């Protein structure tokens, strides 16, 4: 599938918006305006945007605890998303979910999950539902490299394969499960090699190359929509920040982080568009500024929104 010039510019805007949201989230946390922790995906923007770009608007996604980028890529309303992030009643989940549990069901984002690998089995269940209802939608299930060593991963991929479910699993391999390096966690070079054990296609791509991600996921989505079953895509990427805000980040060197920053997915895609004539420097700067302005406006909306009422705090609690 070939991306049009307007679509490429839209995807660049999405990446800038994700980066602006994450950087603002970090600032709000430092100012004491965020309760609890959060997990930033700065440096991983191409994985979310490139993967979701391969979907139709009515397709579905399951996200992770590091899911702000997935949410924005799926077309979230920034005002409602920021309000949820800041725990306000106007948020997507009425402020009850916060950073790790944002969901936009109407938009096809069935939610993030604070449980590592929690969305893997859920994606399988959603895929089963789509097949039983004879719908031609596809579900994209995101998870990290750490989750690939859980029993849930193996059980869910096996069930998806034997039932030919319309699920595309996207492993965002950002090199560390909390502080545990993939070099110590795996005896294989590519996590996608595990797909062969379940009889499904697997592919490892440069997760910082938006076009590479888009092409790989597009092929997998087309296969799933045709009823040919699931695929496993591994996006090799890197998170610039620690695992969460409680992470002292002492397990990796400054040299390693700086080396990955040179592979910035936003800069790479921007330079590609400049080289091919799709983008000008002035237009790029304008897109970046508009993204920052949109996040500023979302913060203003969230701060002006009411806090959840104590009288209704138990609404929506079922267990």
Protein backbone atom coordinates (compact mmCIF):
# COMPACT_ATOMS: atom_id res chain seq x y z
CA UNK A 1 0.00 0.00 0.00
CA UNK A 2 1.39 3.36 -1.09
CA UNK A 3 0.99 6.32 1.23
CA UNK A 4 -0.24 9.54 -0.37
CA UNK A 5 1.57 12.82 0.30
CA UNK A 6 -1.26 14.10 2.50
CA UNK A 7 -1.28 10.84 4.46
CA UNK A 8 2.47 11.06 5.05
CA UNK A 9 2.08 14.58 6.42
CA UNK A 10 -0.72 13.39 8.69
CA UNK A 11 1.48 10.59 10.04
CA UNK A 12 4.30 13.05 10.71
CA UNK A 13 1.81 15.20 12.60
CA UNK A 14 0.75 12.21 14.66
CA UNK A 15 4.34 11.46 15.66
CA UNK A 16 4.96 15.08 16.65
CA UNK A 17 1.72 15.01 18.66
CA UNK A 18 2.76 11.87 20.51
CA UNK A 19 6.16 13.36 21.32
CA UNK A 20 4.53 16.60 22.53
CA UNK A 21 2.04 14.68 24.68
CA UNK A 22 4.77 12.59 26.30
CA UNK A 23 7.01 15.57 26.99
CA UNK A 24 4.06 17.45 28.49
CA UNK A 25 3.17 14.40 30.58
CA UNK A 26 6.68 14.46 31.99
CA UNK A 27 6.36 18.15 32.83
CA UNK A 28 2.98 17.70 34.52
CA UNK A 29 4.39 14.86 36.62
CA UNK A 30 7.32 17.03 37.72
CA UNK A 31 4.83 19.75 38.71
CA UNK A 32 2.95 17.30 40.93
CA UNK A 33 -0.22 17.39 38.83
CA UNK A 34 -0.24 13.66 38.05
CA UNK A 35 -1.02 10.97 40.59
CA UNK A 36 0.72 7.61 40.30
CA UNK A 37 3.34 6.63 37.77
CA UNK A 38 3.40 6.55 33.97
CA UNK A 39 5.33 4.91 31.16
CA UNK A 40 6.59 7.11 28.33
CA UNK A 41 7.18 6.03 24.74
CA UNK A 42 9.46 8.89 23.67
CA UNK A 43 11.62 7.48 20.87
CA UNK A 44 9.07 4.82 19.87
CA UNK A 45 6.62 6.95 17.89
CA UNK A 46 7.05 5.23 14.52
CA UNK A 47 5.98 1.87 15.95
CA UNK A 48 2.58 3.13 17.08
CA UNK A 49 1.88 5.40 14.12
CA UNK A 50 3.16 3.06 11.42
CA UNK A 51 1.24 0.08 12.79
CA UNK A 52 -2.09 1.80 13.34
CA UNK A 53 -1.85 3.49 9.93
CA UNK A 54 -2.26 0.04 8.39
CA UNK A 55 -5.76 -0.30 9.87
CA UNK A 56 -9.18 0.83 8.73
CA UNK A 57 -11.00 3.25 11.06
CA UNK A 58 -13.34 0.46 12.19
CA UNK A 59 -10.50 -1.92 13.08
CA UNK A 60 -9.58 -2.39 16.73
CA UNK A 61 -6.49 -2.19 18.93
CA UNK A 62 -5.45 -3.44 22.35
CA UNK A 63 -2.79 -1.29 23.97
CA UNK A 64 -0.27 -1.56 26.82
CA UNK A 65 0.78 0.33 29.94
CA UNK A 66 3.05 2.31 27.56
CA UNK A 67 0.09 3.23 25.40
CA UNK A 68 -0.22 6.99 24.97
CA UNK A 69 1.16 6.73 21.43
CA UNK A 70 -1.24 3.96 20.43
CA UNK A 71 -4.16 6.02 21.72
CA UNK A 72 -3.19 9.12 19.73
CA UNK A 73 -2.41 7.11 16.59
CA UNK A 74 -5.93 5.60 16.76
CA UNK A 75 -7.40 9.10 16.58
CA UNK A 76 -8.10 9.95 20.20
CA UNK A 77 -9.63 13.27 21.18
CA UNK A 78 -6.67 14.98 22.84
CA UNK A 79 -8.89 16.90 25.26
CA UNK A 80 -10.56 13.74 26.58
CA UNK A 81 -7.27 11.88 26.65
CA UNK A 82 -5.48 14.58 28.62
CA UNK A 83 -8.43 14.88 30.99
CA UNK A 84 -8.23 11.14 31.64
CA UNK A 85 -4.48 11.35 32.12
CA UNK A 86 -5.00 14.08 34.72
CA UNK A 87 -7.78 12.14 36.47
CA UNK A 88 -10.66 14.43 35.52
CA UNK A 89 -14.35 13.56 35.17
CA UNK A 90 -14.35 14.70 31.54
CA UNK A 91 -11.79 12.04 30.59
CA UNK A 92 -12.45 8.98 28.48
CA UNK A 93 -12.88 6.81 31.59
CA UNK A 94 -14.18 9.60 33.82
CA UNK A 95 -10.75 9.96 35.39
CA UNK A 96 -10.86 6.46 36.87
CA UNK A 97 -8.34 4.88 34.51
CA UNK A 98 -5.54 7.39 34.23
CA UNK A 99 -2.37 6.87 32.23
CA UNK A 100 -2.30 3.07 32.11
CA UNK A 101 -5.98 2.42 31.37
CA UNK A 102 -7.11 4.94 28.76
CA UNK A 103 -9.72 3.50 26.40
CA UNK A 104 -11.68 4.97 23.49
CA UNK A 105 -14.09 2.18 22.63
CA UNK A 106 -16.03 4.26 20.10
CA UNK A 107 -12.77 4.97 18.27
CA UNK A 108 -11.70 1.32 18.23
CA UNK A 109 -9.18 1.55 21.08
CA UNK A 110 -10.36 -1.15 23.46
CA UNK A 111 -7.97 0.04 26.11
CA UNK A 112 -4.55 -0.05 27.67
CA UNK A 113 -3.71 -2.45 30.46
CA UNK A 114 -1.54 -2.12 33.54
CA UNK A 115 -0.87 -5.87 33.54
CA UNK A 116 2.18 -6.84 31.48
CA UNK A 117 0.88 -8.80 28.50
CA UNK A 118 -2.69 -8.25 29.63
CA UNK A 119 -3.84 -7.32 26.15
CA UNK A 120 -2.42 -10.40 24.44
CA UNK A 121 -5.16 -12.79 25.51
CA UNK A 122 -7.79 -10.07 25.20
CA UNK A 123 -6.81 -9.55 21.55
CA UNK A 124 -7.28 -13.26 20.97
CA UNK A 125 -10.74 -13.09 22.54
CA UNK A 126 -11.71 -10.08 20.45
CA UNK A 127 -10.43 -11.85 17.34
CA UNK A 128 -12.57 -14.87 18.17
CA UNK A 129 -15.59 -12.61 18.58
CA UNK A 130 -14.98 -10.97 15.20
CA UNK A 131 -14.71 -14.35 13.50
CA UNK A 132 -17.84 -15.77 15.12
CA UNK A 133 -19.77 -12.67 14.08
CA UNK A 134 -18.38 -13.00 10.55
CA UNK A 135 -17.08 -9.42 10.58
CA UNK A 136 -14.14 -8.42 8.40
CA UNK A 137 -12.44 -6.28 11.02
CA UNK A 138 -8.94 -6.90 12.35
CA UNK A 139 -7.58 -6.44 15.87
CA UNK A 140 -4.03 -5.20 16.49
CA UNK A 141 -2.55 -6.38 19.78
CA UNK A 142 0.46 -4.45 21.11
CA UNK A 143 2.84 -5.79 23.75
CA UNK A 144 6.47 -5.40 24.80
CA UNK A 145 9.44 -7.72 24.63
CA UNK A 146 9.03 -8.62 28.30
CA UNK A 147 5.53 -9.93 27.68
CA UNK A 148 6.84 -12.30 24.99
CA UNK A 149 8.18 -14.56 27.74
CA UNK A 150 4.84 -15.00 29.48
CA UNK A 151 2.71 -18.11 29.21
CA UNK A 152 -0.13 -15.90 28.00
CA UNK A 153 1.89 -15.09 24.89
CA UNK A 154 2.36 -18.73 23.91
CA UNK A 155 -1.20 -19.81 24.70
CA UNK A 156 -2.80 -16.89 22.88
CA UNK A 157 -0.68 -17.12 19.73
CA UNK A 158 -1.36 -20.85 19.55
CA UNK A 159 -5.13 -20.36 19.85
CA UNK A 160 -5.11 -17.56 17.28
CA UNK A 161 -3.24 -19.81 14.87
CA UNK A 162 -5.35 -22.96 15.22
CA UNK A 163 -8.55 -20.92 14.82
CA UNK A 164 -7.22 -18.59 12.07
CA UNK A 165 -8.27 -15.51 14.01
CA UNK A 166 -7.97 -11.98 12.50
CA UNK A 167 -5.30 -10.83 14.95
CA UNK A 168 -2.01 -9.07 14.23
CA UNK A 169 0.35 -9.10 17.19
CA UNK A 170 2.87 -6.25 17.36
CA UNK A 171 5.79 -6.73 19.73
CA UNK A 172 7.41 -3.39 20.52
CA UNK A 173 10.91 -4.59 21.34
CA UNK A 174 12.40 -1.57 23.13
CA UNK A 175 15.36 -3.62 24.41
CA UNK A 176 14.40 -3.82 28.08
CA UNK A 177 11.67 -5.43 30.17
CA UNK A 178 11.88 -2.90 32.99
CA UNK A 179 15.65 -3.19 33.58
CA UNK A 180 16.11 -6.68 32.10
CA UNK A 181 17.93 -6.67 28.76
CA UNK A 182 16.66 -8.77 25.86
CA UNK A 183 20.22 -10.10 25.57
CA UNK A 184 19.67 -11.94 28.84
CA UNK A 185 16.01 -12.80 28.31
CA UNK A 186 16.13 -14.52 24.91
CA UNK A 187 18.30 -17.21 23.31
CA UNK A 188 17.12 -16.15 19.84
CA UNK A 189 18.04 -13.05 17.85
CA UNK A 190 14.53 -12.24 16.67
CA UNK A 191 11.40 -12.56 18.79
CA UNK A 192 9.42 -12.91 15.56
CA UNK A 193 11.14 -16.28 14.98
CA UNK A 194 8.74 -17.73 17.54
CA UNK A 195 5.88 -17.28 15.07
CA UNK A 196 7.03 -20.35 13.15
CA UNK A 197 6.28 -22.56 16.15
CA UNK A 198 2.61 -21.67 15.81
CA UNK A 199 2.41 -21.87 12.03
CA UNK A 200 2.03 -18.16 11.43
CA UNK A 201 4.17 -15.60 9.58
CA UNK A 202 6.64 -13.55 11.60
CA UNK A 203 8.67 -10.50 10.64
CA UNK A 204 11.21 -8.29 12.39
CA UNK A 205 11.48 -4.70 11.17
CA UNK A 206 13.23 -1.48 12.10
CA UNK A 207 10.67 -0.06 14.51
CA UNK A 208 12.06 3.45 14.08
CA UNK A 209 11.33 3.38 10.34
CA UNK A 210 7.68 4.33 9.95
CA UNK A 211 7.45 3.07 6.37
CA UNK A 212 8.98 -0.32 7.26
CA UNK A 213 6.49 -0.75 10.10
CA UNK A 214 3.58 0.33 7.92
CA UNK A 215 4.47 -2.10 5.13
CA UNK A 216 4.95 -5.09 7.43
CA UNK A 217 1.76 -4.50 9.40
CA UNK A 218 -0.23 -3.73 6.24
CA UNK A 219 0.70 -7.13 4.79
CA UNK A 220 -0.26 -8.85 8.05
CA UNK A 221 -3.56 -6.96 8.27
CA UNK A 222 -4.46 -7.85 4.68
CA UNK A 223 -3.72 -11.50 5.42
CA UNK A 224 -5.88 -11.47 8.56
CA UNK A 225 -8.76 -9.73 6.77
CA UNK A 226 -8.71 -12.42 4.07
CA UNK A 227 -9.29 -15.06 6.74
CA UNK A 228 -5.75 -16.46 6.61
CA UNK A 229 -5.07 -16.00 10.30
CA UNK A 230 -2.68 -14.14 12.61
CA UNK A 231 0.85 -12.77 12.23
CA UNK A 232 3.58 -11.62 14.60
CA UNK A 233 5.44 -8.40 13.83
CA UNK A 234 8.45 -7.34 15.93
CA UNK A 235 9.26 -3.63 15.86
CA UNK A 236 12.82 -3.12 17.07
CA UNK A 237 12.88 0.25 18.80
CA UNK A 238 14.03 1.99 22.00
CA UNK A 239 12.55 4.05 24.80
CA UNK A 240 14.62 7.12 25.60
CA UNK A 241 13.28 7.40 29.15
CA UNK A 242 13.29 4.87 31.98
CA UNK A 243 10.72 2.12 32.33
CA UNK A 244 8.52 4.41 34.40
CA UNK A 245 8.93 7.58 36.42
CA UNK A 246 10.20 5.47 39.35
CA UNK A 247 13.06 4.12 37.23
CA UNK A 248 16.52 5.44 38.19
CA UNK A 249 17.74 4.19 34.79
CA UNK A 250 21.08 2.89 36.10
CA UNK A 251 21.19 -0.29 34.03
CA UNK A 252 22.14 1.33 30.72
CA UNK A 253 24.80 3.81 29.68
CA UNK A 254 24.45 7.37 28.47
CA UNK A 255 26.36 6.31 25.35
CA UNK A 256 23.74 3.68 24.54
CA UNK A 257 20.87 6.13 24.97
CA UNK A 258 22.59 8.80 22.87
CA UNK A 259 23.29 6.27 20.10
CA UNK A 260 19.60 5.42 19.87
CA UNK A 261 18.63 9.08 19.90
CA UNK A 262 20.53 9.42 16.63
CA UNK A 263 17.93 7.00 15.22
CA UNK A 264 15.03 9.28 16.23
CA UNK A 265 11.98 8.07 14.26
CA UNK A 266 10.53 11.54 13.87
CA UNK A 267 13.70 13.05 12.49
CA UNK A 268 14.17 10.10 10.14
CA UNK A 269 10.67 10.36 8.69
CA UNK A 270 10.89 14.15 8.46
CA UNK A 271 14.19 13.92 6.56
CA UNK A 272 12.70 11.34 4.22
CA UNK A 273 9.77 13.62 3.39
CA UNK A 274 12.12 16.56 2.88
CA UNK A 275 14.29 14.54 0.51
CA UNK A 276 11.37 13.37 -1.59
CA UNK A 277 9.87 16.86 -1.78
CA UNK A 278 6.70 16.04 0.16
CA UNK A 279 7.67 18.46 2.92
CA UNK A 280 9.42 21.80 3.32
CA UNK A 281 11.36 22.93 6.36
CA UNK A 282 8.77 25.65 6.99
CA UNK A 283 5.89 23.18 6.79
CA UNK A 284 7.70 20.77 9.14
CA UNK A 285 8.19 23.49 11.72
CA UNK A 286 4.56 24.51 11.40
CA UNK A 287 3.35 20.92 11.90
CA UNK A 288 5.52 20.54 14.99
CA UNK A 289 4.26 23.82 16.46
CA UNK A 290 0.64 22.92 15.74
CA UNK A 291 1.13 19.63 17.56
CA UNK A 292 2.54 21.42 20.60
CA UNK A 293 -0.31 23.93 20.52
CA UNK A 294 -2.87 21.12 20.41
CA UNK A 295 -1.34 19.57 23.53
CA UNK A 296 -1.29 22.95 25.30
CA UNK A 297 -4.99 23.33 24.51
CA UNK A 298 -5.69 19.84 25.83
CA UNK A 299 -3.95 20.68 29.11
CA UNK A 300 -6.05 23.83 29.43
CA UNK A 301 -9.21 21.77 28.85
CA UNK A 302 -8.18 19.17 31.41
CA UNK A 303 -7.24 21.70 34.07
CA UNK A 304 -10.57 23.44 33.65
CA UNK A 305 -12.47 20.14 33.95
CA UNK A 306 -14.03 19.02 37.26
CA UNK A 307 -12.59 16.37 39.50
CA UNK A 308 -14.59 13.13 39.86
CA UNK A 309 -17.24 13.34 42.55
CA UNK A 310 -16.75 11.30 45.70
CA UNK A 311 -20.45 10.38 45.57
CA UNK A 312 -20.03 8.64 42.19
CA UNK A 313 -16.56 7.15 42.73
CA UNK A 314 -17.89 3.57 42.85
CA UNK A 315 -19.84 3.82 39.60
CA UNK A 316 -18.44 1.41 37.08
CA UNK A 317 -16.83 -0.82 39.73
CA UNK A 318 -18.00 -4.39 39.26
CA UNK A 319 -15.69 -6.44 41.43
